[in-house]
Amino acid sequence: MNTTLNRLNAVSAMATSTLLVLLCLVALLTHPAARAPSGTLAVHTLAVDKARAVWHADRRTQDFLQVHFDADVDLRPLFGRNTKQVFVSLAVEYSSRRHPNNSIVLWDRIVRRKADAHVVLQDARNKYPVREVARSFENIADATFVLKWNVMPYVGLLAYGDDASSGRIVLPRRSEVEKGAKVYY
């Protein structure tokens, strides 16, 4: 005859196993890999400014990238019953001699509801300062701007993807600040 603890152990083991199987099925059946969002991206103004970083320990003058862009992204296909939120970001990708693959996020947003999933930006600026590790964009000829998304589900694996790209854009020459003027980012 089984004791009460043995019976409780058997019931809880069966319940845990059943719950794990159900969660795995939910994660597999609701993965957003097949659903693709649509969007457009247009970079209007691109400038390289010489400035100092207020937020960084290195206060030396260095180059910062200033971007104005338009974006129209429809993330509604990514929302399903298992979607907790969608993280969308705009990144600049370029290569330099010392670092062949660079990707810097310059704008992002967290979308928590399907009703807010159509993101339209007109003449938006970069939210975060973009600077090169070598402190200068002189040896970098061009860059690509890419809209990326990341689906965070309640249960299961994260899903990543790229939505829109600007294509290669030539970086302009550095704009010099008037003597005595200080620009801070």
C-alpha atoms as a PDB file:
ATOM      1  CA  MET A   1       0.000   0.000   0.000  1.00  0.00           C
ATOM      2  CA  ASN A   2       1.286   3.469  -0.840  1.00  0.00           C
ATOM      3  CA  THR A   3       1.517   6.145   1.788  1.00  0.00           C
ATOM      4  CA  THR A   4      -0.028   9.568   1.417  1.00  0.00           C
ATOM      5  CA  LEU A   5       3.366  11.121   0.641  1.00  0.00           C
ATOM      6  CA  ASN A   6       4.014   8.569  -2.126  1.00  0.00           C
ATOM      7  CA  ARG A   7       0.654   9.336  -3.703  1.00  0.00           C
ATOM      8  CA  LEU A   8       1.241  13.098  -3.419  1.00  0.00           C
ATOM      9  CA  ASN A   9       4.677  12.658  -5.001  1.00  0.00           C
ATOM     10  CA  ALA A  10       3.212  10.669  -7.913  1.00  0.00           C
ATOM     11  CA  VAL A  11       0.445  13.218  -8.534  1.00  0.00           C
ATOM     12  CA  SER A  12       2.823  16.217  -8.402  1.00  0.00           C
ATOM     13  CA  ALA A  13       5.344  14.479 -10.703  1.00  0.00           C
ATOM     14  CA  MET A  14       2.590  13.732 -13.219  1.00  0.00           C
ATOM     15  CA  ALA A  15       1.246  17.304 -13.017  1.00  0.00           C
ATOM     16  CA  THR A  16       4.727  18.792 -13.491  1.00  0.00           C
ATOM     17  CA  SER A  17       5.473  16.540 -16.466  1.00  0.00           C
ATOM     18  CA  THR A  18       2.124  17.361 -18.073  1.00  0.00           C
ATOM     19  CA  LEU A  19       2.651  21.091 -17.539  1.00  0.00           C
ATOM     20  CA  LEU A  20       6.135  20.966 -19.102  1.00  0.00           C
ATOM     21  CA  VAL A  21       4.833  19.078 -22.145  1.00  0.00           C
ATOM     22  CA  LEU A  22       2.013  21.617 -22.580  1.00  0.00           C
ATOM     23  CA  LEU A  23       4.437  24.551 -22.282  1.00  0.00           C
ATOM     24  CA  CYS A  24       6.743  22.990 -24.887  1.00  0.00           C
ATOM     25  CA  LEU A  25       3.790  22.521 -27.245  1.00  0.00           C
ATOM     26  CA  VAL A  26       2.699  26.141 -26.765  1.00  0.00           C
ATOM     27  CA  ALA A  27       6.253  27.342 -27.444  1.00  0.00           C
ATOM     28  CA  LEU A  28       6.544  25.262 -30.631  1.00  0.00           C
ATOM     29  CA  LEU A  29       3.106  26.060 -32.029  1.00  0.00           C
ATOM     30  CA  THR A  30       3.255  29.817 -31.427  1.00  0.00           C
ATOM     31  CA  HIS A  31       6.822  30.585 -32.544  1.00  0.00           C
ATOM     32  CA  PRO A  32       6.718  33.770 -34.686  1.00  0.00           C
ATOM     33  CA  ALA A  33       9.313  32.626 -37.249  1.00  0.00           C
ATOM     34  CA  ALA A  34       6.722  32.249 -40.020  1.00  0.00           C
ATOM     35  CA  ARG A  35       5.170  35.678 -39.433  1.00  0.00           C
ATOM     36  CA  ALA A  36       7.150  38.562 -40.893  1.00  0.00           C
ATOM     37  CA  PRO A  37       6.488  42.256 -40.251  1.00  0.00           C
ATOM     38  CA  SER A  38       6.676  44.873 -42.978  1.00  0.00           C
ATOM     39  CA  GLY A  39       8.276  48.272 -42.923  1.00  0.00           C
ATOM     40  CA  THR A  40      10.208  51.026 -44.628  1.00  0.00           C
ATOM     41  CA  LEU A  41      13.199  53.064 -43.531  1.00  0.00           C
ATOM     42  CA  ALA A  42      14.540  56.313 -44.974  1.00  0.00           C
ATOM     43  CA  VAL A  43      17.577  58.169 -43.638  1.00  0.00           C
ATOM     44  CA  HIS A  44      17.295  61.902 -44.395  1.00  0.00           C
ATOM     45  CA  THR A  45      20.162  63.634 -42.660  1.00  0.00           C
ATOM     46  CA  LEU A  46      23.460  62.140 -41.625  1.00  0.00           C
ATOM     47  CA  ALA A  47      26.126  64.276 -39.960  1.00  0.00           C
ATOM     48  CA  VAL A  48      29.376  63.603 -38.145  1.00  0.00           C
ATOM     49  CA  ASP A  49      29.870  66.112 -35.316  1.00  0.00           C
ATOM     50  CA  LYS A  50      32.955  66.660 -33.226  1.00  0.00           C
ATOM     51  CA  ALA A  51      31.895  66.856 -29.582  1.00  0.00           C
ATOM     52  CA  ARG A  52      32.517  65.732 -26.003  1.00  0.00           C
ATOM     53  CA  ALA A  53      30.560  63.071 -24.148  1.00  0.00           C
ATOM     54  CA  VAL A  54      29.031  64.229 -20.879  1.00  0.00           C
ATOM     55  CA  TRP A  55      27.952  60.706 -19.910  1.00  0.00           C
ATOM     56  CA  HIS A  56      31.319  58.979 -20.455  1.00  0.00           C
ATOM     57  CA  ALA A  57      34.546  58.975 -18.452  1.00  0.00           C
ATOM     58  CA  ASP A  58      36.512  59.808 -21.610  1.00  0.00           C
ATOM     59  CA  ARG A  59      35.778  63.532 -22.009  1.00  0.00           C
ATOM     60  CA  ARG A  60      38.110  64.056 -24.957  1.00  0.00           C
ATOM     61  CA  THR A  61      36.715  65.489 -28.173  1.00  0.00           C
ATOM     62  CA  GLN A  62      35.543  62.740 -30.523  1.00  0.00           C
ATOM     63  CA  ASP A  63      33.216  62.122 -33.456  1.00  0.00           C
ATOM     64  CA  PHE A  64      29.498  61.480 -32.957  1.00  0.00           C
ATOM     65  CA  LEU A  65      27.007  60.416 -35.619  1.00  0.00           C
ATOM     66  CA  GLN A  66      23.789  62.460 -35.840  1.00  0.00           C
ATOM     67  CA  VAL A  67      20.931  60.809 -37.774  1.00  0.00           C
ATOM     68  CA  HIS A  68      17.454  61.988 -38.848  1.00  0.00           C
ATOM     69  CA  PHE A  69      15.222  59.246 -40.250  1.00  0.00           C
ATOM     70  CA  ASP A  70      11.677  58.196 -41.131  1.00  0.00           C
ATOM     71  CA  ALA A  71      10.384  54.727 -40.298  1.00  0.00           C
ATOM     72  CA  ASP A  72       7.062  53.007 -40.857  1.00  0.00           C
ATOM     73  CA  VAL A  73       6.959  49.531 -39.310  1.00  0.00           C
ATOM     74  CA  ASP A  74       3.950  47.261 -38.905  1.00  0.00           C
ATOM     75  CA  LEU A  75       4.754  44.756 -36.144  1.00  0.00           C
ATOM     76  CA  ARG A  76       1.188  43.442 -35.766  1.00  0.00           C
ATOM     77  CA  PRO A  77       1.929  40.085 -37.483  1.00  0.00           C
ATOM     78  CA  LEU A  78       4.407  39.322 -34.675  1.00  0.00           C
ATOM     79  CA  PHE A  79       1.740  39.543 -31.977  1.00  0.00           C
ATOM     80  CA  GLY A  80       0.022  36.304 -31.065  1.00  0.00           C
ATOM     81  CA  ARG A  81      -1.291  34.677 -27.915  1.00  0.00           C
ATOM     82  CA  ASN A  82       2.228  33.917 -26.706  1.00  0.00           C
ATOM     83  CA  THR A  83       3.771  37.359 -27.375  1.00  0.00           C
ATOM     84  CA  LYS A  84       4.621  39.330 -24.269  1.00  0.00           C
ATOM     85  CA  GLN A  85       6.291  42.261 -26.015  1.00  0.00           C
ATOM     86  CA  VAL A  86       8.285  43.187 -29.116  1.00  0.00           C
ATOM     87  CA  PHE A  87      11.542  45.111 -28.971  1.00  0.00           C
ATOM     88  CA  VAL A  88      12.250  47.112 -32.141  1.00  0.00           C
ATOM     89  CA  SER A  89      15.497  48.983 -32.752  1.00  0.00           C
ATOM     90  CA  LEU A  90      17.407  50.877 -35.413  1.00  0.00           C
ATOM     91  CA  ALA A  91      21.076  49.974 -35.636  1.00  0.00           C
ATOM     92  CA  VAL A  92      23.935  51.313 -37.715  1.00  0.00           C
ATOM     93  CA  GLU A  93      26.315  48.670 -39.071  1.00  0.00           C
ATOM     94  CA  TYR A  94      29.758  49.438 -40.463  1.00  0.00           C
ATOM     95  CA  SER A  95      33.253  48.014 -40.632  1.00  0.00           C
ATOM     96  CA  SER A  96      36.576  49.522 -39.659  1.00  0.00           C
ATOM     97  CA  ARG A  97      40.142  48.298 -39.931  1.00  0.00           C
ATOM     98  CA  ARG A  98      40.444  47.191 -36.297  1.00  0.00           C
ATOM     99  CA  HIS A  99      36.855  45.954 -35.906  1.00  0.00           C
ATOM    100  CA  PRO A 100      35.360  44.366 -39.050  1.00  0.00           C
ATOM    101  CA  ASN A 101      31.774  44.044 -37.724  1.00  0.00           C
ATOM    102  CA  ASN A 102      30.299  46.953 -35.763  1.00  0.00           C
ATOM    103  CA  SER A 103      26.622  47.304 -34.867  1.00  0.00           C
ATOM    104  CA  ILE A 104      25.414  50.184 -32.690  1.00  0.00           C
ATOM    105  CA  VAL A 105      21.809  50.728 -31.615  1.00  0.00           C
ATOM    106  CA  LEU A 106      20.819  54.360 -32.077  1.00  0.00           C
ATOM    107  CA  TRP A 107      17.058  54.147 -31.450  1.00  0.00           C
ATOM    108  CA  ASP A 108      14.746  51.610 -29.796  1.00  0.00           C
ATOM    109  CA  ARG A 109      11.213  51.092 -28.537  1.00  0.00           C
ATOM    110  CA  ILE A 110       9.363  48.391 -26.605  1.00  0.00           C
ATOM    111  CA  VAL A 111       5.898  47.595 -27.977  1.00  0.00           C
ATOM    112  CA  ARG A 112       3.707  45.829 -25.423  1.00  0.00           C
ATOM    113  CA  ARG A 113       0.307  45.768 -27.151  1.00  0.00           C
ATOM    114  CA  LYS A 114      -0.866  44.847 -30.624  1.00  0.00           C
ATOM    115  CA  ALA A 115      -2.790  48.137 -30.794  1.00  0.00           C
ATOM    116  CA  ASP A 116       0.518  50.040 -30.540  1.00  0.00           C
ATOM    117  CA  ALA A 117       2.380  47.774 -32.982  1.00  0.00           C
ATOM    118  CA  HIS A 118       2.208  50.104 -35.992  1.00  0.00           C
ATOM    119  CA  VAL A 119       5.185  52.409 -35.381  1.00  0.00           C
ATOM    120  CA  VAL A 120       5.373  55.541 -37.537  1.00  0.00           C
ATOM    121  CA  LEU A 121       8.274  57.951 -37.055  1.00  0.00           C
ATOM    122  CA  GLN A 122       8.647  61.212 -38.975  1.00  0.00           C
ATOM    123  CA  ASP A 123      11.998  63.030 -38.898  1.00  0.00           C
ATOM    124  CA  ALA A 124      13.110  61.177 -35.753  1.00  0.00           C
ATOM    125  CA  ARG A 125      16.581  61.627 -34.261  1.00  0.00           C
ATOM    126  CA  ASN A 126      18.837  59.030 -32.779  1.00  0.00           C
ATOM    127  CA  LYS A 127      17.950  58.374 -29.152  1.00  0.00           C
ATOM    128  CA  TYR A 128      21.445  57.276 -28.152  1.00  0.00           C
ATOM    129  CA  PRO A 129      24.778  58.865 -29.067  1.00  0.00           C
ATOM    130  CA  VAL A 130      26.736  56.945 -31.685  1.00  0.00           C
ATOM    131  CA  ARG A 131      30.510  57.073 -31.433  1.00  0.00           C
ATOM    132  CA  GLU A 132      33.350  55.021 -32.846  1.00  0.00           C
ATOM    133  CA  VAL A 133      35.687  53.131 -30.515  1.00  0.00           C
ATOM    134  CA  ALA A 134      38.667  54.818 -32.205  1.00  0.00           C
ATOM    135  CA  ARG A 135      36.977  58.224 -31.517  1.00  0.00           C
ATOM    136  CA  SER A 136      36.884  59.110 -35.226  1.00  0.00           C
ATOM    137  CA  PHE A 137      34.809  58.132 -38.262  1.00  0.00           C
ATOM    138  CA  GLU A 138      37.567  59.283 -40.681  1.00  0.00           C
ATOM    139  CA  ASN A 139      38.516  55.815 -41.935  1.00  0.00           C
ATOM    140  CA  ILE A 140      34.934  54.597 -42.274  1.00  0.00           C
ATOM    141  CA  ALA A 141      33.541  55.109 -45.754  1.00  0.00           C
ATOM    142  CA  ASP A 142      29.938  53.947 -45.461  1.00  0.00           C
ATOM    143  CA  ALA A 143      27.347  52.467 -43.128  1.00  0.00           C
ATOM    144  CA  THR A 144      24.073  50.564 -43.319  1.00  0.00           C
ATOM    145  CA  PHE A 145      21.033  51.326 -41.155  1.00  0.00           C
ATOM    146  CA  VAL A 146      18.921  48.289 -40.233  1.00  0.00           C
ATOM    147  CA  LEU A 147      15.567  48.038 -38.424  1.00  0.00           C
ATOM    148  CA  LYS A 148      15.618  44.963 -36.172  1.00  0.00           C
ATOM    149  CA  TRP A 149      12.942  43.271 -34.067  1.00  0.00           C
ATOM    150  CA  ASN A 150      12.974  40.830 -31.178  1.00  0.00           C
ATOM    151  CA  VAL A 151       9.877  38.956 -29.977  1.00  0.00           C
ATOM    152  CA  MET A 152       9.806  38.124 -26.276  1.00  0.00           C
ATOM    153  CA  PRO A 153       7.251  35.355 -25.649  1.00  0.00           C
ATOM    154  CA  TYR A 154       5.620  34.308 -22.398  1.00  0.00           C
ATOM    155  CA  VAL A 155       6.857  30.761 -23.005  1.00  0.00           C
ATOM    156  CA  GLY A 156       9.574  29.625 -25.403  1.00  0.00           C
ATOM    157  CA  LEU A 157      12.547  30.935 -27.299  1.00  0.00           C
ATOM    158  CA  LEU A 158      13.226  34.508 -28.366  1.00  0.00           C
ATOM    159  CA  ALA A 159      12.790  35.265 -32.059  1.00  0.00           C
ATOM    160  CA  TYR A 160      14.975  37.796 -33.885  1.00  0.00           C
ATOM    161  CA  GLY A 161      14.802  39.353 -37.318  1.00  0.00           C
ATOM    162  CA  ASP A 162      15.616  42.286 -39.574  1.00  0.00           C
ATOM    163  CA  ASP A 163      12.803  44.254 -41.120  1.00  0.00           C
ATOM    164  CA  ALA A 164      14.113  47.062 -43.313  1.00  0.00           C
ATOM    165  CA  SER A 165      17.502  48.306 -44.431  1.00  0.00           C
ATOM    166  CA  SER A 166      18.687  51.604 -45.836  1.00  0.00           C
ATOM    167  CA  GLY A 167      21.374  50.115 -48.027  1.00  0.00           C
ATOM    168  CA  ARG A 168      24.900  51.481 -47.925  1.00  0.00           C
ATOM    169  CA  ILE A 169      25.071  55.209 -47.156  1.00  0.00           C
ATOM    170  CA  VAL A 170      28.292  57.182 -47.503  1.00  0.00           C
ATOM    171  CA  LEU A 171      29.313  58.882 -44.263  1.00  0.00           C
ATOM    172  CA  PRO A 172      29.864  62.638 -44.650  1.00  0.00           C
ATOM    173  CA  ARG A 173      33.005  64.440 -43.600  1.00  0.00           C
ATOM    174  CA  ARG A 174      33.213  65.718 -40.055  1.00  0.00           C
ATOM    175  CA  SER A 175      31.607  69.105 -39.432  1.00  0.00           C
ATOM    176  CA  GLU A 176      33.940  71.326 -37.477  1.00  0.00           C
ATOM    177  CA  VAL A 177      32.614  73.354 -34.587  1.00  0.00           C
ATOM    178  CA  GLU A 178      33.426  77.048 -34.441  1.00  0.00           C
ATOM    179  CA  LYS A 179      36.436  77.866 -32.320  1.00  0.00           C
ATOM    180  CA  GLY A 180      35.430  78.176 -28.681  1.00  0.00           C
ATOM    181  CA  ALA A 181      32.046  76.511 -29.142  1.00  0.00           C
ATOM    182  CA  LYS A 182      31.492  73.310 -27.172  1.00  0.00           C
ATOM    183  CA  VAL A 183      29.017  70.665 -28.187  1.00  0.00           C
ATOM    184  CA  TYR A 184      28.085  67.947 -25.681  1.00  0.00           C
ATOM    185  CA  TYR A 185      26.210  64.697 -26.185  1.00  0.00           C
END
